Amino acid sequence: MKKINLLLTAAMLAVASGSSAMASGPVEYLNSGKVLPTNLPFSEAVVVGETVYLSGQIGNIPGQLKLAEGGISGETVQVMENIKTSLEAHGMDLSNLVKCTVMLADIKEWGEFNNVYKTYFEEGRFPARAAFGANGLALGAKVEVDCIAAR
């Protein structure tokens, strides 16, 4: 009996505090097809409440599974343009980004990545960020960036 009362109390507290999955609203799976084909086994973005989780973007030319030329700088420009395109397809822009995770095939190219990345934001208004070296990015990419945005 004590166990049942404890479970009921915990369930009532969860509902009262708004921590149930239903409190944040339905989950939306978004695929604009403007960067990658929509038949790939992931969503371009997933929305939960006011939070938008963008899948990682590599520097592929939109509509193709071919990387932009120009090494890390060229791929970074394309990555950022792909993120921008994806956000705009869903009514947002780069100012909606709150967190980015950067994966670099060669962490020594971090400075070159930053030189391009920072041009996409207003000075002093950068998303929170993490970066790390990664082995084996899709299509042999030099960089991949995934982001979280807030509506």
N, C-alpha and C. Protein backbone atom coordinates (compact mmCIF):
# COMPACT_ATOMS: atom_id res chain seq x y z
N MET A 1 0.82 -1.20 0.00
CA MET A 1 0.00 0.00 0.00
C MET A 1 0.87 1.26 0.00
N LYS A 2 1.94 1.23 0.84
CA LYS A 2 2.84 2.38 0.87
C LYS A 2 3.45 2.63 -0.50
N LYS A 3 3.80 1.53 -1.20
CA LYS A 3 4.41 1.65 -2.52
C LYS A 3 3.44 2.30 -3.51
N ILE A 4 2.17 1.92 -3.47
CA ILE A 4 1.16 2.50 -4.37
C ILE A 4 0.97 3.97 -4.06
N ASN A 5 0.87 4.34 -2.79
CA ASN A 5 0.72 5.75 -2.42
C ASN A 5 1.92 6.57 -2.87
N LEU A 6 3.11 6.01 -2.74
CA LEU A 6 4.32 6.70 -3.15
C LEU A 6 4.32 6.92 -4.67
N LEU A 7 3.92 5.91 -5.43
CA LEU A 7 3.85 6.03 -6.89
C LEU A 7 2.80 7.06 -7.30
N LEU A 8 1.64 7.04 -6.66
CA LEU A 8 0.60 8.01 -6.97
C LEU A 8 1.05 9.43 -6.65
N THR A 9 1.72 9.61 -5.53
CA THR A 9 2.22 10.92 -5.15
C THR A 9 3.25 11.42 -6.17
N ALA A 10 4.15 10.54 -6.59
CA ALA A 10 5.16 10.92 -7.58
C ALA A 10 4.49 11.30 -8.90
N ALA A 11 3.49 10.54 -9.32
CA ALA A 11 2.79 10.84 -10.57
C ALA A 11 2.07 12.19 -10.49
N MET A 12 1.42 12.48 -9.36
CA MET A 12 0.72 13.75 -9.19
C MET A 12 1.71 14.91 -9.18
N LEU A 13 2.87 14.74 -8.56
CA LEU A 13 3.87 15.80 -8.55
C LEU A 13 4.39 16.05 -9.96
N ALA A 14 4.60 14.99 -10.73
CA ALA A 14 5.08 15.15 -12.11
C ALA A 14 4.09 15.93 -12.95
N VAL A 15 2.81 15.60 -12.82
CA VAL A 15 1.77 16.30 -13.58
C VAL A 15 1.67 17.75 -13.11
N ALA A 16 1.70 17.97 -11.81
CA ALA A 16 1.57 19.32 -11.27
C ALA A 16 2.76 20.20 -11.66
N SER A 17 3.94 19.61 -11.76
CA SER A 17 5.12 20.42 -12.10
C SER A 17 5.30 20.60 -13.59
N GLY A 18 4.46 19.93 -14.38
CA GLY A 18 4.55 20.09 -15.84
C GLY A 18 5.67 19.28 -16.45
N SER A 19 6.16 18.26 -15.75
CA SER A 19 7.30 17.51 -16.27
C SER A 19 6.90 16.34 -17.16
N SER A 20 5.64 16.17 -17.41
CA SER A 20 5.26 15.07 -18.29
C SER A 20 5.57 15.42 -19.73
N ALA A 21 5.74 14.41 -20.56
CA ALA A 21 6.05 14.64 -21.98
C ALA A 21 4.95 15.44 -22.66
N MET A 22 3.72 15.27 -22.25
CA MET A 22 2.60 15.96 -22.87
C MET A 22 2.63 17.47 -22.60
N ALA A 23 3.28 17.88 -21.52
CA ALA A 23 3.28 19.29 -21.16
C ALA A 23 4.01 20.15 -22.20
N SER A 24 4.97 19.57 -22.90
CA SER A 24 5.73 20.35 -23.87
C SER A 24 5.08 20.38 -25.24
N GLY A 25 3.98 19.69 -25.42
CA GLY A 25 3.28 19.69 -26.70
C GLY A 25 3.74 18.57 -27.59
N PRO A 26 3.14 18.48 -28.77
CA PRO A 26 3.49 17.39 -29.68
C PRO A 26 4.89 17.58 -30.27
N VAL A 27 5.46 16.49 -30.68
CA VAL A 27 6.77 16.52 -31.34
C VAL A 27 6.53 16.65 -32.83
N GLU A 28 7.24 17.59 -33.47
CA GLU A 28 7.13 17.79 -34.92
C GLU A 28 8.44 17.34 -35.58
N TYR A 29 8.32 16.60 -36.67
CA TYR A 29 9.48 16.14 -37.43
C TYR A 29 9.48 16.91 -38.75
N LEU A 30 10.51 17.72 -38.99
CA LEU A 30 10.54 18.62 -40.14
C LEU A 30 11.58 18.20 -41.17
N ASN A 31 11.20 18.22 -42.42
CA ASN A 31 12.09 17.93 -43.54
C ASN A 31 11.69 18.82 -44.70
N SER A 32 12.50 19.84 -44.97
CA SER A 32 12.18 20.77 -46.06
C SER A 32 12.64 20.25 -47.41
N GLY A 33 13.65 19.40 -47.44
CA GLY A 33 14.22 18.94 -48.70
C GLY A 33 15.10 19.99 -49.37
N LYS A 34 15.36 21.10 -48.70
CA LYS A 34 16.14 22.18 -49.31
C LYS A 34 17.65 21.99 -49.19
N VAL A 35 18.07 21.09 -48.30
CA VAL A 35 19.50 20.83 -48.14
C VAL A 35 19.82 19.38 -48.51
N LEU A 36 19.07 18.45 -47.95
CA LEU A 36 19.27 17.02 -48.20
C LEU A 36 17.96 16.39 -48.65
N PRO A 37 18.04 15.27 -49.35
CA PRO A 37 16.81 14.56 -49.72
C PRO A 37 16.02 14.17 -48.47
N THR A 38 14.72 14.11 -48.58
CA THR A 38 13.88 13.80 -47.42
C THR A 38 13.78 12.31 -47.14
N ASN A 39 14.40 11.48 -47.97
CA ASN A 39 14.30 10.03 -47.75
C ASN A 39 15.45 9.46 -46.92
N LEU A 40 16.29 10.31 -46.35
CA LEU A 40 17.37 9.84 -45.49
C LEU A 40 16.79 9.45 -44.12
N PRO A 41 17.48 8.57 -43.38
CA PRO A 41 16.91 8.04 -42.13
C PRO A 41 17.05 8.96 -40.91
N PHE A 42 16.80 10.25 -41.11
CA PHE A 42 16.78 11.20 -40.00
C PHE A 42 15.99 12.42 -40.42
N SER A 43 15.55 13.20 -39.45
CA SER A 43 14.81 14.43 -39.73
C SER A 43 15.78 15.59 -39.79
N GLU A 44 15.48 16.54 -40.64
CA GLU A 44 16.27 17.76 -40.74
C GLU A 44 16.23 18.51 -39.40
N ALA A 45 15.06 18.55 -38.81
CA ALA A 45 14.88 19.21 -37.51
C ALA A 45 13.72 18.53 -36.78
N VAL A 46 13.80 18.56 -35.46
CA VAL A 46 12.72 18.04 -34.62
C VAL A 46 12.38 19.13 -33.62
N VAL A 47 11.09 19.43 -33.52
CA VAL A 47 10.62 20.49 -32.63
C VAL A 47 9.91 19.87 -31.44
N VAL A 48 10.31 20.29 -30.25
CA VAL A 48 9.64 19.90 -29.01
C VAL A 48 9.36 21.19 -28.26
N GLY A 49 8.10 21.55 -28.17
CA GLY A 49 7.75 22.82 -27.55
C GLY A 49 8.33 23.97 -28.35
N GLU A 50 9.13 24.80 -27.73
CA GLU A 50 9.76 25.94 -28.39
C GLU A 50 11.23 25.66 -28.73
N THR A 51 11.66 24.42 -28.54
CA THR A 51 13.04 24.04 -28.81
C THR A 51 13.12 23.28 -30.13
N VAL A 52 14.09 23.65 -30.96
CA VAL A 52 14.28 23.02 -32.27
C VAL A 52 15.66 22.38 -32.29
N TYR A 53 15.69 21.08 -32.54
CA TYR A 53 16.93 20.32 -32.62
C TYR A 53 17.24 20.08 -34.09
N LEU A 54 18.32 20.68 -34.59
CA LEU A 54 18.71 20.50 -35.98
C LEU A 54 19.70 19.34 -36.08
N SER A 55 19.49 18.48 -37.07
CA SER A 55 20.45 17.42 -37.33
C SER A 55 21.77 18.05 -37.77
N GLY A 56 22.84 17.30 -37.58
CA GLY A 56 24.15 17.79 -38.00
C GLY A 56 24.19 18.09 -39.48
N GLN A 57 24.85 19.17 -39.81
CA GLN A 57 25.02 19.57 -41.21
C GLN A 57 26.49 19.45 -41.59
N ILE A 58 26.73 18.88 -42.76
CA ILE A 58 28.06 18.89 -43.33
C ILE A 58 28.04 19.86 -44.50
N GLY A 59 29.18 20.05 -45.13
CA GLY A 59 29.27 21.04 -46.20
C GLY A 59 28.87 20.52 -47.56
N ASN A 60 27.77 19.78 -47.61
CA ASN A 60 27.30 19.29 -48.90
C ASN A 60 26.59 20.39 -49.69
N ILE A 61 26.73 20.32 -50.99
CA ILE A 61 26.01 21.23 -51.87
C ILE A 61 24.54 20.84 -51.81
N PRO A 62 23.63 21.79 -51.56
CA PRO A 62 22.21 21.45 -51.42
C PRO A 62 21.70 20.58 -52.57
N GLY A 63 20.96 19.54 -52.18
CA GLY A 63 20.37 18.62 -53.14
C GLY A 63 21.34 17.55 -53.63
N GLN A 64 22.59 17.61 -53.17
CA GLN A 64 23.59 16.64 -53.60
C GLN A 64 24.30 16.02 -52.41
N LEU A 65 24.86 14.88 -52.62
CA LEU A 65 25.70 14.26 -51.60
C LEU A 65 27.16 14.45 -52.00
N LYS A 66 27.48 15.70 -52.36
CA LYS A 66 28.83 16.10 -52.77
C LYS A 66 29.23 17.29 -51.91
N LEU A 67 30.46 17.26 -51.40
CA LEU A 67 30.95 18.33 -50.54
C LEU A 67 31.40 19.54 -51.34
N ALA A 68 31.24 20.71 -50.75
CA ALA A 68 31.74 21.95 -51.35
C ALA A 68 33.26 21.89 -51.42
N GLU A 69 33.80 22.56 -52.40
CA GLU A 69 35.26 22.62 -52.55
C GLU A 69 35.83 23.71 -51.65
N GLY A 70 37.14 23.67 -51.46
CA GLY A 70 37.80 24.73 -50.70
C GLY A 70 38.28 24.31 -49.33
N GLY A 71 38.35 23.00 -49.08
CA GLY A 71 38.86 22.54 -47.80
C GLY A 71 37.97 22.94 -46.64
N ILE A 72 38.58 23.09 -45.48
CA ILE A 72 37.81 23.40 -44.27
C ILE A 72 37.05 24.72 -44.41
N SER A 73 37.63 25.72 -45.03
CA SER A 73 36.95 27.02 -45.18
C SER A 73 35.74 26.89 -46.09
N GLY A 74 35.91 26.26 -47.23
CA GLY A 74 34.80 26.09 -48.17
C GLY A 74 33.68 25.25 -47.58
N GLU A 75 34.05 24.18 -46.88
CA GLU A 75 33.03 23.33 -46.25
C GLU A 75 32.32 24.08 -45.12
N THR A 76 33.05 24.88 -44.37
CA THR A 76 32.44 25.62 -43.26
C THR A 76 31.43 26.64 -43.80
N VAL A 77 31.78 27.34 -44.86
CA VAL A 77 30.82 28.26 -45.48
C VAL A 77 29.56 27.50 -45.85
N GLN A 78 29.72 26.33 -46.49
CA GLN A 78 28.55 25.57 -46.92
C GLN A 78 27.76 25.03 -45.74
N VAL A 79 28.45 24.59 -44.69
CA VAL A 79 27.76 24.13 -43.47
C VAL A 79 26.87 25.24 -42.92
N MET A 80 27.44 26.44 -42.80
CA MET A 80 26.69 27.55 -42.23
C MET A 80 25.54 27.97 -43.14
N GLU A 81 25.75 27.93 -44.44
CA GLU A 81 24.67 28.22 -45.38
C GLU A 81 23.57 27.16 -45.28
N ASN A 82 23.96 25.90 -45.10
CA ASN A 82 22.97 24.83 -44.95
C ASN A 82 22.16 25.00 -43.67
N ILE A 83 22.82 25.37 -42.59
CA ILE A 83 22.11 25.63 -41.33
C ILE A 83 21.15 26.79 -41.52
N LYS A 84 21.63 27.85 -42.14
CA LYS A 84 20.80 29.03 -42.40
C LYS A 84 19.58 28.66 -43.25
N THR A 85 19.79 27.88 -44.31
CA THR A 85 18.69 27.45 -45.19
C THR A 85 17.67 26.62 -44.42
N SER A 86 18.16 25.69 -43.62
CA SER A 86 17.27 24.84 -42.83
C SER A 86 16.44 25.67 -41.86
N LEU A 87 17.07 26.59 -41.16
CA LEU A 87 16.35 27.45 -40.22
C LEU A 87 15.30 28.29 -40.95
N GLU A 88 15.69 28.91 -42.07
CA GLU A 88 14.76 29.76 -42.82
C GLU A 88 13.58 28.96 -43.37
N ALA A 89 13.81 27.71 -43.73
CA ALA A 89 12.73 26.86 -44.24
C ALA A 89 11.66 26.62 -43.18
N HIS A 90 12.04 26.82 -41.92
CA HIS A 90 11.11 26.58 -40.81
C HIS A 90 10.83 27.85 -40.01
N GLY A 91 10.99 29.01 -40.67
CA GLY A 91 10.59 30.29 -40.07
C GLY A 91 11.54 30.85 -39.03
N MET A 92 12.81 30.48 -39.09
CA MET A 92 13.79 31.00 -38.13
C MET A 92 15.00 31.52 -38.88
N ASP A 93 15.96 32.03 -38.11
CA ASP A 93 17.23 32.44 -38.70
C ASP A 93 18.34 32.14 -37.69
N LEU A 94 19.55 32.52 -38.04
CA LEU A 94 20.70 32.19 -37.19
C LEU A 94 20.60 32.80 -35.79
N SER A 95 19.85 33.87 -35.63
CA SER A 95 19.71 34.47 -34.30
C SER A 95 18.91 33.57 -33.35
N ASN A 96 18.22 32.56 -33.88
CA ASN A 96 17.48 31.61 -33.04
C ASN A 96 18.39 30.54 -32.43
N LEU A 97 19.62 30.41 -32.93
CA LEU A 97 20.51 29.37 -32.42
C LEU A 97 20.95 29.69 -31.00
N VAL A 98 20.90 28.66 -30.15
CA VAL A 98 21.34 28.83 -28.76
C VAL A 98 22.52 27.94 -28.42
N LYS A 99 22.74 26.87 -29.19
CA LYS A 99 23.84 25.94 -28.91
C LYS A 99 24.25 25.24 -30.18
N CYS A 100 25.54 25.16 -30.43
CA CYS A 100 26.08 24.43 -31.58
C CYS A 100 27.17 23.47 -31.09
N THR A 101 27.23 22.33 -31.70
CA THR A 101 28.30 21.37 -31.44
C THR A 101 29.05 21.17 -32.75
N VAL A 102 30.35 21.38 -32.71
CA VAL A 102 31.19 21.33 -33.90
C VAL A 102 32.07 20.09 -33.83
N MET A 103 32.04 19.31 -34.90
CA MET A 103 32.90 18.14 -35.03
C MET A 103 33.87 18.39 -36.17
N LEU A 104 35.15 18.33 -35.89
CA LEU A 104 36.18 18.59 -36.89
C LEU A 104 37.00 17.32 -37.13
N ALA A 105 37.19 16.96 -38.41
CA ALA A 105 38.00 15.79 -38.73
C ALA A 105 39.44 16.02 -38.27
N ASP A 106 39.88 17.26 -38.25
CA ASP A 106 41.22 17.62 -37.79
C ASP A 106 41.10 18.83 -36.87
N ILE A 107 41.23 18.61 -35.59
CA ILE A 107 41.04 19.67 -34.61
C ILE A 107 42.04 20.82 -34.83
N LYS A 108 43.12 20.56 -35.54
CA LYS A 108 44.08 21.63 -35.84
C LYS A 108 43.47 22.67 -36.78
N GLU A 109 42.34 22.35 -37.42
CA GLU A 109 41.69 23.31 -38.32
C GLU A 109 40.63 24.16 -37.60
N TRP A 110 40.64 24.10 -36.28
CA TRP A 110 39.68 24.83 -35.46
C TRP A 110 39.75 26.33 -35.73
N GLY A 111 40.95 26.89 -35.85
CA GLY A 111 41.11 28.32 -36.11
C GLY A 111 40.52 28.73 -37.46
N GLU A 112 40.77 27.93 -38.50
CA GLU A 112 40.20 28.22 -39.82
C GLU A 112 38.68 28.13 -39.78
N PHE A 113 38.17 27.13 -39.06
CA PHE A 113 36.72 27.01 -38.90
C PHE A 113 36.17 28.28 -38.25
N ASN A 114 36.78 28.70 -37.16
CA ASN A 114 36.31 29.89 -36.42
C ASN A 114 36.32 31.15 -37.28
N ASN A 115 37.32 31.28 -38.15
CA ASN A 115 37.40 32.47 -39.01
C ASN A 115 36.14 32.62 -39.87
N VAL A 116 35.60 31.51 -40.33
CA VAL A 116 34.37 31.55 -41.14
C VAL A 116 33.15 31.63 -40.23
N TYR A 117 33.09 30.78 -39.22
CA TYR A 117 31.93 30.67 -38.33
C TYR A 117 31.53 32.02 -37.74
N LYS A 118 32.50 32.76 -37.24
CA LYS A 118 32.18 34.02 -36.55
C LYS A 118 31.57 35.07 -37.48
N THR A 119 31.76 34.95 -38.78
CA THR A 119 31.19 35.94 -39.71
C THR A 119 29.68 35.79 -39.85
N TYR A 120 29.12 34.71 -39.35
CA TYR A 120 27.68 34.45 -39.47
C TYR A 120 26.87 35.00 -38.30
N PHE A 121 27.55 35.60 -37.33
CA PHE A 121 26.85 36.09 -36.14
C PHE A 121 27.25 37.52 -35.83
N GLU A 122 26.34 38.20 -35.15
CA GLU A 122 26.64 39.54 -34.66
C GLU A 122 27.65 39.40 -33.52
N GLU A 123 28.67 40.26 -33.53
CA GLU A 123 29.71 40.21 -32.51
C GLU A 123 29.10 40.20 -31.11
N GLY A 124 29.57 39.27 -30.30
CA GLY A 124 29.09 39.17 -28.92
C GLY A 124 27.78 38.43 -28.76
N ARG A 125 27.20 37.93 -29.85
CA ARG A 125 25.92 37.21 -29.78
C ARG A 125 26.06 35.83 -30.43
N PHE A 126 27.04 35.10 -29.94
CA PHE A 126 27.31 33.76 -30.45
C PHE A 126 26.53 32.72 -29.64
N PRO A 127 26.10 31.65 -30.30
CA PRO A 127 25.48 30.56 -29.54
C PRO A 127 26.52 29.92 -28.61
N ALA A 128 26.05 29.28 -27.55
CA ALA A 128 26.96 28.46 -26.74
C ALA A 128 27.50 27.38 -27.67
N ARG A 129 28.71 26.85 -27.37
CA ARG A 129 29.29 25.94 -28.33
C ARG A 129 30.25 24.96 -27.69
N ALA A 130 30.35 23.80 -28.30
CA ALA A 130 31.37 22.81 -27.97
C ALA A 130 32.01 22.39 -29.28
N ALA A 131 33.28 22.00 -29.23
CA ALA A 131 33.96 21.52 -30.43
C ALA A 131 34.87 20.37 -30.04
N PHE A 132 34.98 19.40 -30.94
CA PHE A 132 35.89 18.29 -30.69
C PHE A 132 36.32 17.66 -32.01
N GLY A 133 37.44 16.96 -31.95
CA GLY A 133 37.92 16.23 -33.11
C GLY A 133 37.12 14.95 -33.27
N ALA A 134 36.82 14.60 -34.51
CA ALA A 134 36.01 13.41 -34.79
C ALA A 134 36.63 12.64 -35.95
N ASN A 135 36.46 11.36 -35.93
CA ASN A 135 36.99 10.50 -36.97
C ASN A 135 35.84 9.93 -37.78
N GLY A 136 35.91 10.05 -39.10
CA GLY A 136 34.93 9.39 -39.95
C GLY A 136 33.63 10.14 -40.13
N LEU A 137 33.66 11.45 -40.38
CA LEU A 137 32.43 12.20 -40.64
C LEU A 137 31.84 11.76 -41.98
N ALA A 138 30.54 11.91 -42.14
CA ALA A 138 29.84 11.49 -43.35
C ALA A 138 30.48 12.09 -44.60
N LEU A 139 30.55 11.31 -45.64
CA LEU A 139 31.09 11.70 -46.95
C LEU A 139 32.54 12.17 -46.90
N GLY A 140 33.23 11.87 -45.80
CA GLY A 140 34.61 12.32 -45.66
C GLY A 140 34.71 13.81 -45.35
N ALA A 141 33.65 14.36 -44.80
CA ALA A 141 33.61 15.80 -44.50
C ALA A 141 34.69 16.18 -43.50
N LYS A 142 35.11 17.44 -43.58
CA LYS A 142 36.07 17.99 -42.64
C LYS A 142 35.40 18.58 -41.41
N VAL A 143 34.09 18.88 -41.54
CA VAL A 143 33.38 19.52 -40.44
C VAL A 143 31.90 19.13 -40.47
N GLU A 144 31.33 19.00 -39.29
CA GLU A 144 29.89 18.81 -39.12
C GLU A 144 29.46 19.66 -37.93
N VAL A 145 28.31 20.30 -38.06
CA VAL A 145 27.80 21.15 -36.97
C VAL A 145 26.35 20.79 -36.74
N ASP A 146 26.02 20.47 -35.49
CA ASP A 146 24.61 20.33 -35.15
C ASP A 146 24.25 21.42 -34.17
N CYS A 147 22.98 21.81 -34.18
CA CYS A 147 22.57 23.00 -33.41
C CYS A 147 21.24 22.79 -32.72
N ILE A 148 21.03 23.59 -31.71
CA ILE A 148 19.75 23.69 -31.02
C ILE A 148 19.30 25.15 -31.16
N ALA A 149 18.06 25.34 -31.52
CA ALA A 149 17.50 26.68 -31.66
C ALA A 149 16.28 26.82 -30.76
N ALA A 150 15.92 28.04 -30.46
CA ALA A 150 14.73 28.34 -29.68
C ALA A 150 13.84 29.27 -30.51
N ARG A 151 12.57 28.94 -30.56
CA ARG A 151 11.62 29.77 -31.31
C ARG A 151 11.27 31.00 -30.52
